Amino acid sequence: MEVMKLLTFTPKLVGYEAPDLASCIYDEITLLSRHFDELYVVTDEYSREAWLPSNVKVIEVPSRGLRKLIEKPRVVKNVSGEVDHIYLRTQSIDEVMATLKASKSMDVVVTVPGTWVFLEKGLKTWLLRRLYEKLLNKAKAVVVYGESMLNDVKRVFSKFRGEGKIQVVKNSINLDRYVYNEEAGSRFREKLSLKEDDVMILSIGVLRPLKGFHILLRGFIEIAEGHPRAHLVVAGPQPDEGYKREVEALASSSTVRDRVHVVGPIPNREVPVALSAAKINGLFALTPLAGEGVPRALLEAMAMGLPCIATDVGSVRDYVKHGETGLIAKASIEDVASKLLSLLEDEEDRKTMGERAKAWVQENCDMKRNMEKIASIIKS
């Protein structure tokens, strides 16, 4: 029987302690490893507390800055004789360069998780976009999370000529982790001084301008006075200090500042707890402006049975069925406010949409099944 060995990348391999996407990639790696004899993982940071299957080999490259541009390709070259395929689903320039160089001798499959990183300005972004576009053209297969993402890919990568090798595999989560826990959710609400009849509008994501938290916040302010039991809770990493101050200033200057809670980053293991808190009485909202594939937090909320409001970016429309599993909003204060109002005023609608959302995610976004699909694409 042929031995199959795969190499992939992640910035951090730290289990569920990270407050960001790294924890979701950890889930992907552990599940993907079931389909290969050996899985090499190249990472900048590795926590030995993160449990890994015995066939996963970690290669830690702790260098920073320009050294990573040298070290990552060197590491990949050193194992190239032992590896059959490379799977890339991250978008840092050092990983793209290493994969591009290795594509001369190995099959490469690329998952495009989104395009927001290519929308920033500057020479580094321009270079990354050109290298990534070249890699997409060289790859054996390119995976996107939904048909609607194709427009973003073609717009950002005007010289991409590989439409025939694009395959759609739904973004996914480890469904075993997203189980409603009323007791833990109640404790989360108590920390924020939320009563049982308070309606919690939860939003989780990295606090940066393209995520559109200012739109959500302004939309909430528009309708909050008419709904005195409504609270907005924003959780997630805050790497952009300027934007963080902007959001906090906007909240503190409003008449409903005591009902806006910017709680900062929470470990990924606590995300189901925060979602359980909203599930007790509430909803989930995400208002990114551009560049998303499908926000993983959106799937997590749907899996918990929460009704969701999301803006029409990336492949969101392929997941949120407007009026059935959630509401699609325009990226405007007025429309976000309107959609918030719609769900706040109809508790039965919230419940029905949440149930439908949960059923849809369980059917379409099971990471176990979808990693099997990715493995089949890599091996084909």
Protein backbone atom coordinates (compact mmCIF):
# COMPACT_ATOMS: atom_id res chain seq x y z
CA MET A 1 0.00 0.00 0.00
CA GLU A 2 1.29 3.47 -0.93
CA VAL A 3 2.40 5.62 2.02
CA MET A 4 0.85 9.09 1.88
CA LYS A 5 2.60 12.02 3.55
CA LEU A 6 1.28 15.58 3.71
CA LEU A 7 2.81 18.90 4.79
CA THR A 8 0.79 21.89 5.96
CA PHE A 9 1.28 25.15 7.88
CA THR A 10 -0.22 27.02 10.80
CA PRO A 11 1.09 30.17 12.52
CA LYS A 12 0.38 28.66 15.94
CA LEU A 13 -0.27 25.12 17.13
CA VAL A 14 -1.60 25.74 20.61
CA GLY A 15 -4.85 23.82 21.07
CA TYR A 16 -7.89 25.70 22.34
CA GLU A 17 -6.10 28.34 24.40
CA ALA A 18 -5.65 30.73 21.47
CA PRO A 19 -8.33 33.42 21.06
CA ASP A 20 -8.20 33.25 17.28
CA LEU A 21 -8.36 31.07 14.17
CA ALA A 22 -5.35 28.99 15.26
CA SER A 23 -7.61 26.84 17.42
CA CYS A 24 -9.83 26.02 14.46
CA ILE A 25 -6.80 25.09 12.36
CA TYR A 26 -5.74 22.81 15.23
CA ASP A 27 -9.06 20.97 14.83
CA GLU A 28 -8.49 20.72 11.08
CA ILE A 29 -5.01 19.27 11.55
CA THR A 30 -6.09 16.59 14.03
CA LEU A 31 -8.93 15.49 11.73
CA LEU A 32 -6.91 15.70 8.51
CA SER A 33 -4.23 13.48 10.06
CA ARG A 34 -6.69 10.56 10.01
CA HIS A 35 -6.38 10.38 6.23
CA PHE A 36 -2.57 10.35 5.88
CA ASP A 37 0.20 8.11 7.14
CA GLU A 38 2.20 11.14 8.25
CA LEU A 39 1.29 14.81 8.53
CA TYR A 40 4.08 17.37 8.86
CA VAL A 41 3.04 20.70 10.40
CA VAL A 42 5.33 23.71 10.01
CA THR A 43 4.56 26.33 12.64
CA ASP A 44 6.01 29.45 14.27
CA GLU A 45 4.77 28.49 17.72
CA TYR A 46 4.03 25.10 19.24
CA SER A 47 2.56 24.45 22.68
CA ARG A 48 3.36 20.96 23.94
CA GLU A 49 0.04 21.08 25.80
CA ALA A 50 -1.79 20.73 22.48
CA TRP A 51 -2.63 17.04 22.05
CA LEU A 52 -1.68 15.64 18.65
CA PRO A 53 -2.06 12.21 17.02
CA SER A 54 1.14 10.17 16.86
CA ASN A 55 1.43 10.51 13.07
CA VAL A 56 1.67 14.32 13.26
CA LYS A 57 5.24 15.62 13.08
CA VAL A 58 5.71 19.22 14.22
CA ILE A 59 8.47 21.36 12.73
CA GLU A 60 8.79 24.54 14.77
CA VAL A 61 10.35 27.55 13.03
CA PRO A 62 10.44 30.24 15.73
CA SER A 63 12.28 32.83 13.63
CA ARG A 64 10.72 36.26 13.10
CA GLY A 65 10.64 38.91 10.37
CA LEU A 66 12.80 38.45 7.31
CA ARG A 67 14.43 35.30 8.68
CA LYS A 68 11.14 33.46 8.22
CA LEU A 69 11.33 34.16 4.48
CA ILE A 70 14.55 32.14 4.47
CA GLU A 71 13.79 29.52 7.11
CA LYS A 72 10.35 28.33 5.95
CA PRO A 73 11.47 27.49 2.37
CA ARG A 74 14.60 25.82 3.77
CA VAL A 75 12.57 23.65 6.14
CA VAL A 76 10.18 22.60 3.38
CA LYS A 77 13.10 21.78 1.08
CA ASN A 78 14.66 19.59 3.78
CA VAL A 79 11.57 17.36 3.98
CA SER A 80 10.62 17.52 0.29
CA GLY A 81 12.00 14.04 -0.32
CA GLU A 82 9.69 12.61 2.35
CA VAL A 83 6.47 14.49 1.52
CA ASP A 84 4.03 13.81 -1.31
CA HIS A 85 1.70 16.80 -1.08
CA ILE A 86 1.41 20.28 0.41
CA TYR A 87 -1.86 21.69 1.67
CA LEU A 88 -1.97 25.47 2.27
CA ARG A 89 -4.93 27.17 3.92
CA THR A 90 -3.07 30.11 5.52
CA GLN A 91 -1.84 33.25 3.76
CA SER A 92 1.34 34.57 5.35
CA ILE A 93 4.04 35.54 2.87
CA ASP A 94 6.66 33.12 4.22
CA GLU A 95 4.30 30.15 3.88
CA VAL A 96 3.22 31.21 0.40
CA MET A 97 6.87 31.55 -0.70
CA ALA A 98 7.79 28.15 0.75
CA THR A 99 4.82 26.47 -0.96
CA LEU A 100 5.45 28.20 -4.27
CA LYS A 101 9.04 27.00 -4.29
CA ALA A 102 8.02 23.45 -3.38
CA SER A 103 5.32 23.37 -6.08
CA LYS A 104 8.05 22.60 -8.62
CA SER A 105 8.37 19.08 -7.22
CA MET A 106 5.21 18.44 -5.19
CA ASP A 107 1.46 18.59 -5.72
CA VAL A 108 -0.13 21.58 -4.01
CA VAL A 109 -3.73 22.14 -2.94
CA VAL A 110 -4.71 25.61 -1.72
CA THR A 111 -7.80 26.57 0.26
CA VAL A 112 -8.65 30.28 -0.07
CA PRO A 113 -10.17 31.18 3.33
CA GLY A 114 -10.85 34.78 2.30
CA THR A 115 -9.33 37.78 0.55
CA TRP A 116 -9.27 40.46 3.24
CA VAL A 117 -5.50 40.15 3.77
CA PHE A 118 -4.98 41.20 0.14
CA LEU A 119 -7.09 44.35 0.49
CA GLU A 120 -4.65 46.19 2.75
CA LYS A 121 -2.34 48.78 1.21
CA GLY A 122 1.42 48.66 0.93
CA LEU A 123 4.30 46.97 -0.89
CA LYS A 124 4.17 43.83 1.26
CA THR A 125 0.49 43.29 0.41
CA TRP A 126 1.15 43.87 -3.29
CA LEU A 127 3.97 41.30 -3.24
CA LEU A 128 1.88 38.79 -1.29
CA ARG A 129 -0.99 39.17 -3.75
CA ARG A 130 1.29 38.54 -6.74
CA LEU A 131 2.93 35.49 -5.14
CA TYR A 132 -0.38 34.03 -4.03
CA GLU A 133 -1.88 34.54 -7.48
CA LYS A 134 1.08 32.70 -9.01
CA LEU A 135 0.60 29.88 -6.51
CA LEU A 136 -3.11 29.59 -7.32
CA ASN A 137 -2.22 29.16 -10.98
CA LYS A 138 0.34 26.45 -10.15
CA ALA A 139 -1.80 24.54 -7.65
CA LYS A 140 -3.35 21.21 -8.56
CA ALA A 141 -6.64 22.30 -6.99
CA VAL A 142 -8.04 25.45 -5.40
CA VAL A 143 -10.71 25.08 -2.73
CA VAL A 144 -13.23 27.82 -1.88
CA TYR A 145 -15.97 27.79 0.75
CA GLY A 146 -18.83 28.62 -1.62
CA GLU A 147 -19.81 29.59 -5.15
CA SER A 148 -20.21 33.23 -4.11
CA MET A 149 -16.50 33.44 -3.25
CA LEU A 150 -15.53 33.05 -6.90
CA ASN A 151 -16.32 36.70 -7.60
CA ASP A 152 -13.95 37.84 -4.83
CA VAL A 153 -11.19 35.54 -6.08
CA LYS A 154 -11.51 36.76 -9.67
CA ARG A 155 -11.65 40.40 -8.61
CA VAL A 156 -8.57 40.27 -6.35
CA PHE A 157 -6.54 37.94 -8.60
CA SER A 158 -7.15 39.29 -12.09
CA LYS A 159 -4.53 36.96 -13.66
CA PHE A 160 -5.92 33.78 -12.12
CA ARG A 161 -6.60 31.30 -14.90
CA GLY A 162 -7.56 28.19 -12.97
CA GLU A 163 -11.34 28.29 -12.75
CA GLY A 164 -11.50 24.71 -13.99
CA LYS A 165 -9.63 23.41 -10.94
CA ILE A 166 -11.74 25.22 -8.34
CA GLN A 167 -13.64 22.94 -5.98
CA VAL A 168 -16.20 23.98 -3.38
CA VAL A 169 -15.94 22.50 0.10
CA LYS A 170 -18.00 24.16 2.81
CA ASN A 171 -16.19 25.85 5.67
CA SER A 172 -16.63 23.70 8.74
CA ILE A 173 -16.28 23.36 12.49
CA ASN A 174 -15.80 20.56 14.98
CA LEU A 175 -19.48 20.08 15.85
CA ASP A 176 -18.63 18.02 18.95
CA ARG A 177 -17.41 21.20 20.65
CA TYR A 178 -20.51 23.33 20.14
CA VAL A 179 -23.01 21.96 22.64
CA TYR A 180 -25.34 24.25 24.58
CA ASN A 181 -24.39 24.60 28.26
CA GLU A 182 -27.00 26.65 30.10
CA GLU A 183 -25.14 26.66 33.42
CA ALA A 184 -21.87 27.94 31.92
CA GLY A 185 -23.79 30.43 29.78
CA SER A 186 -25.57 31.80 32.84
CA ARG A 187 -22.24 32.37 34.60
CA PHE A 188 -20.95 34.26 31.53
CA ARG A 189 -24.05 36.49 31.62
CA GLU A 190 -23.66 37.10 35.36
CA LYS A 191 -20.13 38.43 34.83
CA LEU A 192 -21.63 41.06 32.51
CA SER A 193 -24.53 41.72 34.93
CA LEU A 194 -27.04 40.49 32.35
CA LYS A 195 -30.37 39.25 33.68
CA GLU A 196 -32.21 36.27 32.24
CA ASP A 197 -34.68 38.48 30.36
CA ASP A 198 -31.93 40.66 28.86
CA VAL A 199 -31.45 40.02 25.15
CA MET A 200 -27.77 39.45 24.37
CA ILE A 201 -26.58 40.40 20.88
CA LEU A 202 -23.22 38.65 20.58
CA SER A 203 -20.50 39.33 18.01
CA ILE A 204 -17.16 37.51 17.94
CA GLY A 205 -14.22 38.38 15.71
CA VAL A 206 -10.92 40.21 15.40
CA LEU A 207 -11.48 43.89 16.16
CA ARG A 208 -10.30 45.50 12.93
CA PRO A 209 -12.00 47.97 10.52
CA LEU A 210 -12.85 45.41 7.80
CA LYS A 211 -14.84 43.42 10.36
CA GLY A 212 -17.29 46.33 10.53
CA PHE A 213 -17.88 46.43 14.28
CA HIS A 214 -18.46 50.18 14.04
CA ILE A 215 -21.40 49.49 11.71
CA LEU A 216 -22.88 46.96 14.14
CA LEU A 217 -22.35 49.28 17.09
CA ARG A 218 -23.98 52.26 15.37
CA GLY A 219 -26.86 50.04 14.27
CA PHE A 220 -27.33 48.89 17.85
CA ILE A 221 -27.27 52.47 19.15
CA GLU A 222 -30.02 53.35 16.64
CA ILE A 223 -32.46 50.84 18.12
CA ALA A 224 -31.26 50.35 21.70
CA GLU A 225 -33.34 53.05 23.39
CA GLY A 226 -36.51 51.37 22.16
CA HIS A 227 -35.29 48.03 23.53
CA PRO A 228 -34.03 48.64 27.07
CA ARG A 229 -33.35 44.92 27.68
CA ALA A 230 -30.98 44.61 24.69
CA HIS A 231 -27.21 44.40 25.26
CA LEU A 232 -24.40 44.24 22.68
CA VAL A 233 -21.43 42.02 23.59
CA VAL A 234 -18.31 42.16 21.38
CA ALA A 235 -15.55 39.58 21.95
CA GLY A 236 -12.30 38.94 20.12
CA PRO A 237 -8.62 39.88 19.75
CA GLN A 238 -7.84 43.61 19.49
CA PRO A 239 -4.65 43.99 17.39
CA ASP A 240 -5.55 47.43 16.00
CA GLU A 241 -5.17 49.83 18.92
CA GLY A 242 -6.48 52.80 16.93
CA TYR A 243 -9.65 51.00 15.87
CA LYS A 244 -10.16 49.67 19.39
CA ARG A 245 -10.09 53.25 20.72
CA GLU A 246 -12.52 54.33 17.97
CA VAL A 247 -15.03 51.62 18.90
CA GLU A 248 -14.68 52.26 22.63
CA ALA A 249 -15.09 56.03 22.13
CA LEU A 250 -18.20 55.47 20.03
CA ALA A 251 -19.67 53.23 22.72
CA SER A 252 -18.80 55.50 25.65
CA SER A 253 -20.24 58.60 23.97
CA SER A 254 -23.63 56.95 23.39
CA THR A 255 -26.61 57.10 25.72
CA VAL A 256 -26.62 53.29 25.93
CA ARG A 257 -22.95 52.88 26.89
CA ASP A 258 -23.87 50.75 29.93
CA ARG A 259 -25.32 48.16 27.52
CA VAL A 260 -22.28 47.85 25.26
CA HIS A 261 -19.70 45.33 26.49
CA VAL A 262 -16.36 45.10 24.66
CA VAL A 263 -14.85 42.14 26.49
CA GLY A 264 -11.68 41.58 24.45
CA PRO A 265 -10.16 38.22 23.48
CA ILE A 266 -11.47 34.99 24.95
CA PRO A 267 -9.77 31.58 24.59
CA ASN A 268 -11.34 29.45 21.89
CA ARG A 269 -12.34 26.88 24.51
CA GLU A 270 -14.60 29.60 26.01
CA VAL A 271 -16.38 30.42 22.73
CA PRO A 272 -19.08 27.75 23.28
CA VAL A 273 -19.69 29.31 26.70
CA ALA A 274 -20.20 32.79 25.23
CA LEU A 275 -22.51 31.33 22.58
CA SER A 276 -24.46 29.49 25.29
CA ALA A 277 -24.91 32.82 27.07
CA ALA A 278 -26.47 34.30 23.93
CA LYS A 279 -28.53 31.14 23.36
CA ILE A 280 -30.28 31.65 26.72
CA ASN A 281 -31.90 34.77 25.27
CA GLY A 282 -30.35 36.48 22.29
CA LEU A 283 -28.89 36.35 18.82
CA PHE A 284 -25.61 36.59 16.93
CA ALA A 285 -24.49 39.33 14.53
CA LEU A 286 -21.46 39.82 12.27
CA THR A 287 -21.08 42.77 9.92
CA PRO A 288 -17.81 42.44 7.94
CA LEU A 289 -17.36 44.89 5.06
CA ALA A 290 -15.26 42.84 2.61
CA GLY A 291 -12.73 40.07 2.11
CA GLU A 292 -14.37 37.30 4.14
CA GLY A 293 -14.74 33.73 2.99
CA VAL A 294 -17.20 32.59 5.59
CA PRO A 295 -16.58 33.72 9.19
CA ARG A 296 -16.01 30.62 11.32
CA ALA A 297 -17.71 32.37 14.25
CA LEU A 298 -20.89 32.52 12.18
CA LEU A 299 -20.91 28.73 11.80
CA GLU A 300 -20.22 28.28 15.51
CA ALA A 301 -23.22 30.46 16.37
CA MET A 302 -25.47 28.62 13.91
CA ALA A 303 -24.33 25.27 15.32
CA MET A 304 -25.43 26.45 18.75
CA GLY A 305 -28.90 27.22 17.39
CA LEU A 306 -28.56 31.00 17.40
CA PRO A 307 -30.37 33.15 14.83
CA CYS A 308 -27.77 35.19 12.95
CA ILE A 309 -27.52 38.51 11.17
CA ALA A 310 -24.64 38.80 8.71
CA THR A 311 -23.60 41.14 5.93
CA ASP A 312 -23.52 39.92 2.34
CA VAL A 313 -19.78 39.34 1.80
CA GLY A 314 -17.76 36.39 0.53
CA SER A 315 -19.84 33.23 0.67
CA VAL A 316 -22.05 34.28 3.58
CA ARG A 317 -25.11 34.07 1.30
CA ASP A 318 -24.28 30.41 0.63
CA TYR A 319 -24.67 29.69 4.35
CA VAL A 320 -27.21 32.12 5.75
CA LYS A 321 -30.52 31.59 3.94
CA HIS A 322 -32.24 34.94 4.30
CA GLY A 323 -35.45 34.65 6.28
CA GLU A 324 -34.88 30.95 6.99
CA THR A 325 -31.63 30.39 8.92
CA GLY A 326 -30.88 34.06 9.55
CA LEU A 327 -30.97 37.50 8.00
CA ILE A 328 -28.66 39.01 5.38
CA ALA A 329 -27.99 42.73 5.89
CA LYS A 330 -26.42 45.41 3.77
CA ALA A 331 -23.26 46.88 5.29
CA SER A 332 -25.08 50.04 6.34
CA ILE A 333 -26.09 51.36 9.75
CA GLU A 334 -29.72 51.65 8.68
CA ASP A 335 -30.07 48.10 7.36
CA VAL A 336 -28.19 46.51 10.25
CA ALA A 337 -30.45 48.43 12.66
CA SER A 338 -33.50 47.22 10.74
CA LYS A 339 -32.40 43.58 10.90
CA LEU A 340 -31.61 43.84 14.62
CA LEU A 341 -35.06 45.32 15.19
CA SER A 342 -36.70 42.52 13.23
CA LEU A 343 -35.22 39.78 15.43
CA LEU A 344 -35.49 41.68 18.71
CA GLU A 345 -39.22 42.12 18.22
CA ASP A 346 -40.00 38.50 17.33
CA GLU A 347 -38.81 35.94 19.87
CA GLU A 348 -40.59 33.09 18.06
CA ASP A 349 -38.84 33.99 14.81
CA ARG A 350 -35.49 33.96 16.63
CA LYS A 351 -36.20 30.47 17.94
CA THR A 352 -37.34 29.08 14.57
CA MET A 353 -34.40 30.57 12.64
CA GLY A 354 -31.96 29.26 15.24
CA GLU A 355 -33.32 25.72 14.97
CA ARG A 356 -33.10 25.81 11.17
CA ALA A 357 -29.57 27.23 11.31
CA LYS A 358 -28.42 24.43 13.61
CA ALA A 359 -29.89 21.74 11.36
CA TRP A 360 -28.29 23.27 8.26
CA VAL A 361 -24.81 23.50 9.80
CA GLN A 362 -25.00 19.94 11.12
CA GLU A 363 -25.83 18.75 7.61
CA ASN A 364 -23.30 20.86 5.68
CA CYS A 365 -20.47 22.01 7.95
CA ASP A 366 -19.29 18.94 9.85
CA MET A 367 -15.50 19.22 9.90
CA LYS A 368 -15.05 15.45 10.06
CA ARG A 369 -16.82 14.99 6.73
CA ASN A 370 -15.35 18.07 5.10
CA MET A 371 -11.75 17.23 6.03
CA GLU A 372 -12.35 13.85 4.41
CA LYS A 373 -13.37 15.73 1.24
CA ILE A 374 -10.21 17.87 1.43
CA ALA A 375 -8.08 14.73 1.87
CA SER A 376 -9.70 13.18 -1.21
CA ILE A 377 -8.90 16.28 -3.27
CA ILE A 378 -5.28 16.22 -2.09
CA LYS A 379 -4.88 12.52 -2.92
CA SER A 380 -6.61 12.65 -6.31
